[in-house]
């Protein structure tokens, strides 16, 4: 499981839809899209693990605390 904010913490919205006048994504979503498409990124690293998200998506980048847990609720 992946969360983009801790309990009682808001994910920070950054993009808006001008026609609907609503937020359409948060900082994590935008950075995650960039992360998926970067050259020489995780696709070229066969040892990439979900726990690596924590090191890549730091608080100063997404303004919330990204957290990864296994299905057994054990923190990585």
PDB file of N, CA and C in Angstrom:
ATOM      1  N   UNK A   1       0.841  -1.173   0.000  1.00  0.00           N
ATOM      2  CA  UNK A   1       0.000   0.000   0.000  1.00  0.00           C
ATOM      3  C   UNK A   1       0.883   1.232   0.000  1.00  0.00           C
ATOM      4  N   UNK A   2       0.401   2.260  -0.634  1.00  0.00           N
ATOM      5  CA  UNK A   2       1.129   3.513  -0.710  1.00  0.00           C
ATOM      6  C   UNK A   2       0.193   4.632  -0.304  1.00  0.00           C
ATOM      7  N   UNK A   3       0.623   5.439   0.635  1.00  0.00           N
ATOM      8  CA  UNK A   3      -0.174   6.614   1.001  1.00  0.00           C
ATOM      9  C   UNK A   3       0.665   7.850   0.725  1.00  0.00           C
ATOM     10  N   UNK A   4      -0.008   8.923   0.362  1.00  0.00           N
ATOM     11  CA  UNK A   4       0.712  10.151   0.041  1.00  0.00           C
ATOM     12  C   UNK A   4       0.614  11.197   1.134  1.00  0.00           C
ATOM     13  N   UNK A   5       0.016  10.831   2.235  1.00  0.00           N
ATOM     14  CA  UNK A   5      -0.048  11.713   3.400  1.00  0.00           C
ATOM     15  C   UNK A   5      -0.364  10.854   4.618  1.00  0.00           C
ATOM     16  N   UNK A   6       0.162  11.254   5.765  1.00  0.00           N
ATOM     17  CA  UNK A   6      -0.118  10.531   6.998  1.00  0.00           C
ATOM     18  C   UNK A   6      -1.498  10.892   7.521  1.00  0.00           C
ATOM     19  N   UNK A   7      -1.963  10.120   8.481  1.00  0.00           N
ATOM     20  CA  UNK A   7      -3.252  10.391   9.109  1.00  0.00           C
ATOM     21  C   UNK A   7      -3.264  11.833   9.628  1.00  0.00           C
ATOM     22  N   UNK A   8      -4.354  12.523   9.415  1.00  0.00           N
ATOM     23  CA  UNK A   8      -4.524  13.922   9.831  1.00  0.00           C
ATOM     24  C   UNK A   8      -3.592  14.883   9.096  1.00  0.00           C
ATOM     25  N   UNK A   9      -3.088  14.471   7.931  1.00  0.00           N
ATOM     26  CA  UNK A   9      -2.221  15.327   7.123  1.00  0.00           C
ATOM     27  C   UNK A   9      -2.833  15.408   5.725  1.00  0.00           C
ATOM     28  N   UNK A  10      -2.933  16.597   5.182  1.00  0.00           N
ATOM     29  CA  UNK A  10      -3.505  16.764   3.849  1.00  0.00           C
ATOM     30  C   UNK A  10      -2.435  16.651   2.784  1.00  0.00           C
ATOM     31  N   UNK A  11      -2.799  16.039   1.659  1.00  0.00           N
ATOM     32  CA  UNK A  11      -1.938  16.086   0.484  1.00  0.00           C
ATOM     33  C   UNK A  11      -2.162  17.460  -0.144  1.00  0.00           C
ATOM     34  N   UNK A  12      -1.110  18.090  -0.608  1.00  0.00           N
ATOM     35  CA  UNK A  12      -1.202  19.450  -1.111  1.00  0.00           C
ATOM     36  C   UNK A  12      -1.588  19.440  -2.590  1.00  0.00           C
ATOM     37  N   UNK A  13      -2.727  20.023  -2.915  1.00  0.00           N
ATOM     38  CA  UNK A  13      -3.198  20.108  -4.293  1.00  0.00           C
ATOM     39  C   UNK A  13      -2.433  21.199  -5.036  1.00  0.00           C
ATOM     40  N   UNK A  14      -2.120  20.921  -6.301  1.00  0.00           N
ATOM     41  CA  UNK A  14      -1.344  21.885  -7.070  1.00  0.00           C
ATOM     42  C   UNK A  14      -1.986  22.265  -8.393  1.00  0.00           C
ATOM     43  N   UNK A  15      -2.652  21.331  -9.042  1.00  0.00           N
ATOM     44  CA  UNK A  15      -3.221  21.598 -10.358  1.00  0.00           C
ATOM     45  C   UNK A  15      -4.725  21.756 -10.265  1.00  0.00           C
ATOM     46  N   UNK A  16      -5.253  22.702 -11.024  1.00  0.00           N
ATOM     47  CA  UNK A  16      -6.694  22.918 -11.023  1.00  0.00           C
ATOM     48  C   UNK A  16      -7.267  22.783 -12.427  1.00  0.00           C
ATOM     49  N   UNK A  17      -8.522  22.447 -12.476  1.00  0.00           N
ATOM     50  CA  UNK A  17      -9.271  22.412 -13.723  1.00  0.00           C
ATOM     51  C   UNK A  17     -10.049  23.729 -13.780  1.00  0.00           C
ATOM     52  N   UNK A  18      -9.660  24.612 -14.688  1.00  0.00           N
ATOM     53  CA  UNK A  18     -10.278  25.928 -14.783  1.00  0.00           C
ATOM     54  C   UNK A  18     -11.748  25.887 -15.139  1.00  0.00           C
ATOM     55  N   UNK A  19     -12.160  24.887 -15.943  1.00  0.00           N
ATOM     56  CA  UNK A  19     -13.566  24.789 -16.333  1.00  0.00           C
ATOM     57  C   UNK A  19     -14.438  24.347 -15.166  1.00  0.00           C
ATOM     58  N   UNK A  20     -13.950  23.376 -14.410  1.00  0.00           N
ATOM     59  CA  UNK A  20     -14.728  22.854 -13.287  1.00  0.00           C
ATOM     60  C   UNK A  20     -14.446  23.600 -11.986  1.00  0.00           C
ATOM     61  N   UNK A  21     -13.335  24.370 -11.958  1.00  0.00           N
ATOM     62  CA  UNK A  21     -12.929  25.104 -10.775  1.00  0.00           C
ATOM     63  C   UNK A  21     -12.705  24.187  -9.566  1.00  0.00           C
ATOM     64  N   UNK A  22     -12.004  23.069  -9.825  1.00  0.00           N
ATOM     65  CA  UNK A  22     -11.658  22.111  -8.767  1.00  0.00           C
ATOM     66  C   UNK A  22     -10.189  21.723  -8.914  1.00  0.00           C
ATOM     67  N   UNK A  23      -9.605  21.257  -7.823  1.00  0.00           N
ATOM     68  CA  UNK A  23      -8.243  20.735  -7.885  1.00  0.00           C
ATOM     69  C   UNK A  23      -8.266  19.379  -8.574  1.00  0.00           C
ATOM     70  N   UNK A  24      -7.301  19.133  -9.442  1.00  0.00           N
ATOM     71  CA  UNK A  24      -7.283  17.884 -10.194  1.00  0.00           C
ATOM     72  C   UNK A  24      -6.142  16.945  -9.819  1.00  0.00           C
ATOM     73  N   UNK A  25      -5.127  17.439  -9.125  1.00  0.00           N
ATOM     74  CA  UNK A  25      -4.066  16.550  -8.662  1.00  0.00           C
ATOM     75  C   UNK A  25      -3.289  17.210  -7.533  1.00  0.00           C
ATOM     76  N   UNK A  26      -2.554  16.355  -6.815  1.00  0.00           N
ATOM     77  CA  UNK A  26      -1.712  16.866  -5.742  1.00  0.00           C
ATOM     78  C   UNK A  26      -0.252  16.814  -6.179  1.00  0.00           C
ATOM     79  N   UNK A  27       0.634  17.302  -5.342  1.00  0.00           N
ATOM     80  CA  UNK A  27       2.055  17.337  -5.686  1.00  0.00           C
ATOM     81  C   UNK A  27       2.591  15.938  -5.962  1.00  0.00           C
ATOM     82  N   UNK A  28       2.170  14.948  -5.170  1.00  0.00           N
ATOM     83  CA  UNK A  28       2.652  13.589  -5.385  1.00  0.00           C
ATOM     84  C   UNK A  28       2.263  13.086  -6.772  1.00  0.00           C
ATOM     85  N   UNK A  29       1.021  13.292  -7.171  1.00  0.00           N
ATOM     86  CA  UNK A  29       0.557  12.792  -8.469  1.00  0.00           C
ATOM     87  C   UNK A  29       1.374  13.368  -9.617  1.00  0.00           C
ATOM     88  N   UNK A  30       1.641  14.655  -9.564  1.00  0.00           N
ATOM     89  CA  UNK A  30       2.445  15.280 -10.602  1.00  0.00           C
ATOM     90  C   UNK A  30       3.866  14.745 -10.631  1.00  0.00           C
ATOM     91  N   UNK A  31       4.487  14.632  -9.471  1.00  0.00           N
ATOM     92  CA  UNK A  31       5.853  14.115  -9.405  1.00  0.00           C
ATOM     93  C   UNK A  31       5.918  12.635  -9.760  1.00  0.00           C
ATOM     94  N   UNK A  32       4.863  11.883  -9.411  1.00  0.00           N
ATOM     95  CA  UNK A  32       4.830  10.461  -9.742  1.00  0.00           C
ATOM     96  C   UNK A  32       4.781  10.274 -11.260  1.00  0.00           C
ATOM     97  N   UNK A  33       4.009  11.088 -11.950  1.00  0.00           N
ATOM     98  CA  UNK A  33       3.980  11.032 -13.412  1.00  0.00           C
ATOM     99  C   UNK A  33       5.357  11.303 -13.996  1.00  0.00           C
ATOM    100  N   UNK A  34       6.035  12.312 -13.489  1.00  0.00           N
ATOM    101  CA  UNK A  34       7.403  12.609 -13.935  1.00  0.00           C
ATOM    102  C   UNK A  34       8.329  11.441 -13.636  1.00  0.00           C
ATOM    103  N   UNK A  35       8.191  10.863 -12.463  1.00  0.00           N
ATOM    104  CA  UNK A  35       9.012   9.742 -12.021  1.00  0.00           C
ATOM    105  C   UNK A  35       8.853   8.541 -12.961  1.00  0.00           C
ATOM    106  N   UNK A  36       7.640   8.257 -13.381  1.00  0.00           N
ATOM    107  CA  UNK A  36       7.390   7.113 -14.260  1.00  0.00           C
ATOM    108  C   UNK A  36       7.990   7.290 -15.646  1.00  0.00           C
ATOM    109  N   UNK A  37       8.133   8.535 -16.084  1.00  0.00           N
ATOM    110  CA  UNK A  37       8.599   8.791 -17.441  1.00  0.00           C
ATOM    111  C   UNK A  37      10.055   9.246 -17.543  1.00  0.00           C
ATOM    112  N   UNK A  38      10.752   9.329 -16.424  1.00  0.00           N
ATOM    113  CA  UNK A  38      12.138   9.793 -16.480  1.00  0.00           C
ATOM    114  C   UNK A  38      13.045   8.767 -17.145  1.00  0.00           C
ATOM    115  N   UNK A  39      13.985   9.261 -17.923  1.00  0.00           N
ATOM    116  CA  UNK A  39      14.963   8.373 -18.547  1.00  0.00           C
ATOM    117  C   UNK A  39      15.960   7.907 -17.506  1.00  0.00           C
ATOM    118  N   UNK A  40      16.413   6.676 -17.633  1.00  0.00           N
ATOM    119  CA  UNK A  40      17.364   6.078 -16.689  1.00  0.00           C
ATOM    120  C   UNK A  40      16.820   6.082 -15.270  1.00  0.00           C
ATOM    121  N   UNK A  41      15.521   6.018 -15.136  1.00  0.00           N
ATOM    122  CA  UNK A  41      14.899   6.000 -13.825  1.00  0.00           C
ATOM    123  C   UNK A  41      14.693   4.582 -13.322  1.00  0.00           C
ATOM    124  N   UNK A  42      13.615   4.371 -12.616  1.00  0.00           N
ATOM    125  CA  UNK A  42      13.380   3.092 -11.969  1.00  0.00           C
ATOM    126  C   UNK A  42      13.255   1.950 -12.970  1.00  0.00           C
ATOM    127  N   UNK A  43      12.822   2.211 -14.203  1.00  0.00           N
ATOM    128  CA  UNK A  43      12.663   1.147 -15.203  1.00  0.00           C
ATOM    129  C   UNK A  43      13.996   0.487 -15.531  1.00  0.00           C
ATOM    130  N   UNK A  44      15.078   1.242 -15.419  1.00  0.00           N
ATOM    131  CA  UNK A  44      16.398   0.690 -15.712  1.00  0.00           C
ATOM    132  C   UNK A  44      17.046   0.063 -14.479  1.00  0.00           C
ATOM    133  N   UNK A  45      16.345   0.060 -13.352  1.00  0.00           N
ATOM    134  CA  UNK A  45      16.875  -0.493 -12.106  1.00  0.00           C
ATOM    135  C   UNK A  45      16.054  -1.718 -11.709  1.00  0.00           C
ATOM    136  N   UNK A  46      16.557  -2.922 -11.972  1.00  0.00           N
ATOM    137  CA  UNK A  46      15.796  -4.136 -11.657  1.00  0.00           C
ATOM    138  C   UNK A  46      15.628  -4.364 -10.153  1.00  0.00           C
ATOM    139  N   UNK A  47      16.364  -3.639  -9.328  1.00  0.00           N
ATOM    140  CA  UNK A  47      16.280  -3.799  -7.878  1.00  0.00           C
ATOM    141  C   UNK A  47      15.362  -2.767  -7.225  1.00  0.00           C
ATOM    142  N   UNK A  48      14.636  -1.997  -8.035  1.00  0.00           N
ATOM    143  CA  UNK A  48      13.741  -0.973  -7.491  1.00  0.00           C
ATOM    144  C   UNK A  48      12.660  -1.622  -6.639  1.00  0.00           C
ATOM    145  N   UNK A  49      12.398  -1.041  -5.477  1.00  0.00           N
ATOM    146  CA  UNK A  49      11.364  -1.537  -4.559  1.00  0.00           C
ATOM    147  C   UNK A  49      10.424  -0.396  -4.191  1.00  0.00           C
ATOM    148  N   UNK A  50       9.226  -0.751  -3.802  1.00  0.00           N
ATOM    149  CA  UNK A  50       8.270   0.261  -3.364  1.00  0.00           C
ATOM    150  C   UNK A  50       8.851   1.117  -2.235  1.00  0.00           C
ATOM    151  N   UNK A  51       9.656   0.526  -1.378  1.00  0.00           N
ATOM    152  CA  UNK A  51      10.228   1.287  -0.265  1.00  0.00           C
ATOM    153  C   UNK A  51      11.140   2.417  -0.760  1.00  0.00           C
ATOM    154  N   UNK A  52      11.599   2.342  -2.011  1.00  0.00           N
ATOM    155  CA  UNK A  52      12.418   3.408  -2.576  1.00  0.00           C
ATOM    156  C   UNK A  52      11.633   4.698  -2.772  1.00  0.00           C
ATOM    157  N   UNK A  53      10.299   4.600  -2.849  1.00  0.00           N
ATOM    158  CA  UNK A  53       9.470   5.793  -2.990  1.00  0.00           C
ATOM    159  C   UNK A  53       9.729   6.780  -1.856  1.00  0.00           C
ATOM    160  N   UNK A  54       9.930   6.280  -0.659  1.00  0.00           N
ATOM    161  CA  UNK A  54      10.114   7.145   0.506  1.00  0.00           C
ATOM    162  C   UNK A  54      11.351   8.028   0.340  1.00  0.00           C
ATOM    163  N   UNK A  55      12.408   7.470  -0.219  1.00  0.00           N
ATOM    164  CA  UNK A  55      13.629   8.252  -0.431  1.00  0.00           C
ATOM    165  C   UNK A  55      13.474   9.236  -1.587  1.00  0.00           C
ATOM    166  N   UNK A  56      12.687   8.881  -2.594  1.00  0.00           N
ATOM    167  CA  UNK A  56      12.518   9.740  -3.760  1.00  0.00           C
ATOM    168  C   UNK A  56      11.501  10.858  -3.505  1.00  0.00           C
ATOM    169  N   UNK A  57      10.365  10.515  -2.905  1.00  0.00           N
ATOM    170  CA  UNK A  57       9.294  11.487  -2.666  1.00  0.00           C
ATOM    171  C   UNK A  57       9.394  12.028  -1.242  1.00  0.00           C
ATOM    172  N   UNK A  58      10.358  12.885  -1.026  1.00  0.00           N
ATOM    173  CA  UNK A  58      10.612  13.447   0.298  1.00  0.00           C
ATOM    174  C   UNK A  58       9.595  14.548   0.618  1.00  0.00           C
ATOM    175  N   UNK A  59       9.503  14.871   1.881  1.00  0.00           N
ATOM    176  CA  UNK A  59       8.556  15.896   2.326  1.00  0.00           C
ATOM    177  C   UNK A  59       8.760  17.220   1.591  1.00  0.00           C
ATOM    178  N   UNK A  60      10.006  17.605   1.377  1.00  0.00           N
ATOM    179  CA  UNK A  60      10.251  18.890   0.718  1.00  0.00           C
ATOM    180  C   UNK A  60       9.779  18.905  -0.730  1.00  0.00           C
ATOM    181  N   UNK A  61       9.596  17.733  -1.354  1.00  0.00           N
ATOM    182  CA  UNK A  61       9.087  17.669  -2.725  1.00  0.00           C
ATOM    183  C   UNK A  61       7.559  17.638  -2.774  1.00  0.00           C
ATOM    184  N   UNK A  62       6.926  16.865  -1.898  1.00  0.00           N
ATOM    185  CA  UNK A  62       5.471  16.672  -1.995  1.00  0.00           C
ATOM    186  C   UNK A  62       4.675  17.371  -0.895  1.00  0.00           C
ATOM    187  N   UNK A  63       5.361  17.937   0.085  1.00  0.00           N
ATOM    188  CA  UNK A  63       4.738  18.654   1.201  1.00  0.00           C
ATOM    189  C   UNK A  63       3.763  17.781   1.995  1.00  0.00           C
ATOM    190  N   UNK A  64       4.046  16.500   2.034  1.00  0.00           N
ATOM    191  CA  UNK A  64       3.348  15.536   2.883  1.00  0.00           C
ATOM    192  C   UNK A  64       4.281  14.342   3.040  1.00  0.00           C
ATOM    193  N   UNK A  65       3.926  13.419   3.918  1.00  0.00           N
ATOM    194  CA  UNK A  65       4.781  12.270   4.198  1.00  0.00           C
ATOM    195  C   UNK A  65       4.286  11.039   3.444  1.00  0.00           C
ATOM    196  N   UNK A  66       5.047  10.622   2.437  1.00  0.00           N
ATOM    197  CA  UNK A  66       4.727   9.412   1.677  1.00  0.00           C
ATOM    198  C   UNK A  66       5.102   8.215   2.538  1.00  0.00           C
ATOM    199  N   UNK A  67       4.241   7.220   2.550  1.00  0.00           N
ATOM    200  CA  UNK A  67       4.474   6.051   3.374  1.00  0.00           C
ATOM    201  C   UNK A  67       4.157   4.792   2.564  1.00  0.00           C
ATOM    202  N   UNK A  68       4.942   3.755   2.744  1.00  0.00           N
ATOM    203  CA  UNK A  68       4.738   2.477   2.073  1.00  0.00           C
ATOM    204  C   UNK A  68       4.614   1.399   3.134  1.00  0.00           C
ATOM    205  N   UNK A  69       3.613   0.558   2.985  1.00  0.00           N
ATOM    206  CA  UNK A  69       3.419  -0.562   3.915  1.00  0.00           C
ATOM    207  C   UNK A  69       3.136  -1.823   3.127  1.00  0.00           C
ATOM    208  N   UNK A  70       3.525  -2.943   3.681  1.00  0.00           N
ATOM    209  CA  UNK A  70       3.197  -4.224   3.058  1.00  0.00           C
ATOM    210  C   UNK A  70       1.754  -4.566   3.408  1.00  0.00           C
ATOM    211  N   UNK A  71       1.220  -5.604   2.791  1.00  0.00           N
ATOM    212  CA  UNK A  71      -0.158  -5.990   3.078  1.00  0.00           C
ATOM    213  C   UNK A  71      -0.316  -6.465   4.509  1.00  0.00           C
ATOM    214  N   UNK A  72       0.768  -6.793   5.169  1.00  0.00           N
ATOM    215  CA  UNK A  72       0.723  -7.182   6.572  1.00  0.00           C
ATOM    216  C   UNK A  72       0.856  -5.982   7.492  1.00  0.00           C
ATOM    217  N   UNK A  73       0.761  -4.772   6.968  1.00  0.00           N
ATOM    218  CA  UNK A  73       0.856  -3.516   7.711  1.00  0.00           C
ATOM    219  C   UNK A  73       2.197  -3.323   8.384  1.00  0.00           C
ATOM    220  N   UNK A  74       3.230  -3.928   7.845  1.00  0.00           N
ATOM    221  CA  UNK A  74       4.580  -3.750   8.371  1.00  0.00           C
ATOM    222  C   UNK A  74       5.260  -2.657   7.569  1.00  0.00           C
ATOM    223  N   UNK A  75       5.731  -1.617   8.217  1.00  0.00           N
ATOM    224  CA  UNK A  75       6.405  -0.503   7.535  1.00  0.00           C
ATOM    225  C   UNK A  75       7.698  -0.987   6.904  1.00  0.00           C
ATOM    226  N   UNK A  76       8.011  -0.466   5.735  1.00  0.00           N
ATOM    227  CA  UNK A  76       9.265  -0.808   5.043  1.00  0.00           C
ATOM    228  C   UNK A  76      10.334   0.197   5.336  1.00  0.00           C
TER     229      UNK A  76
END
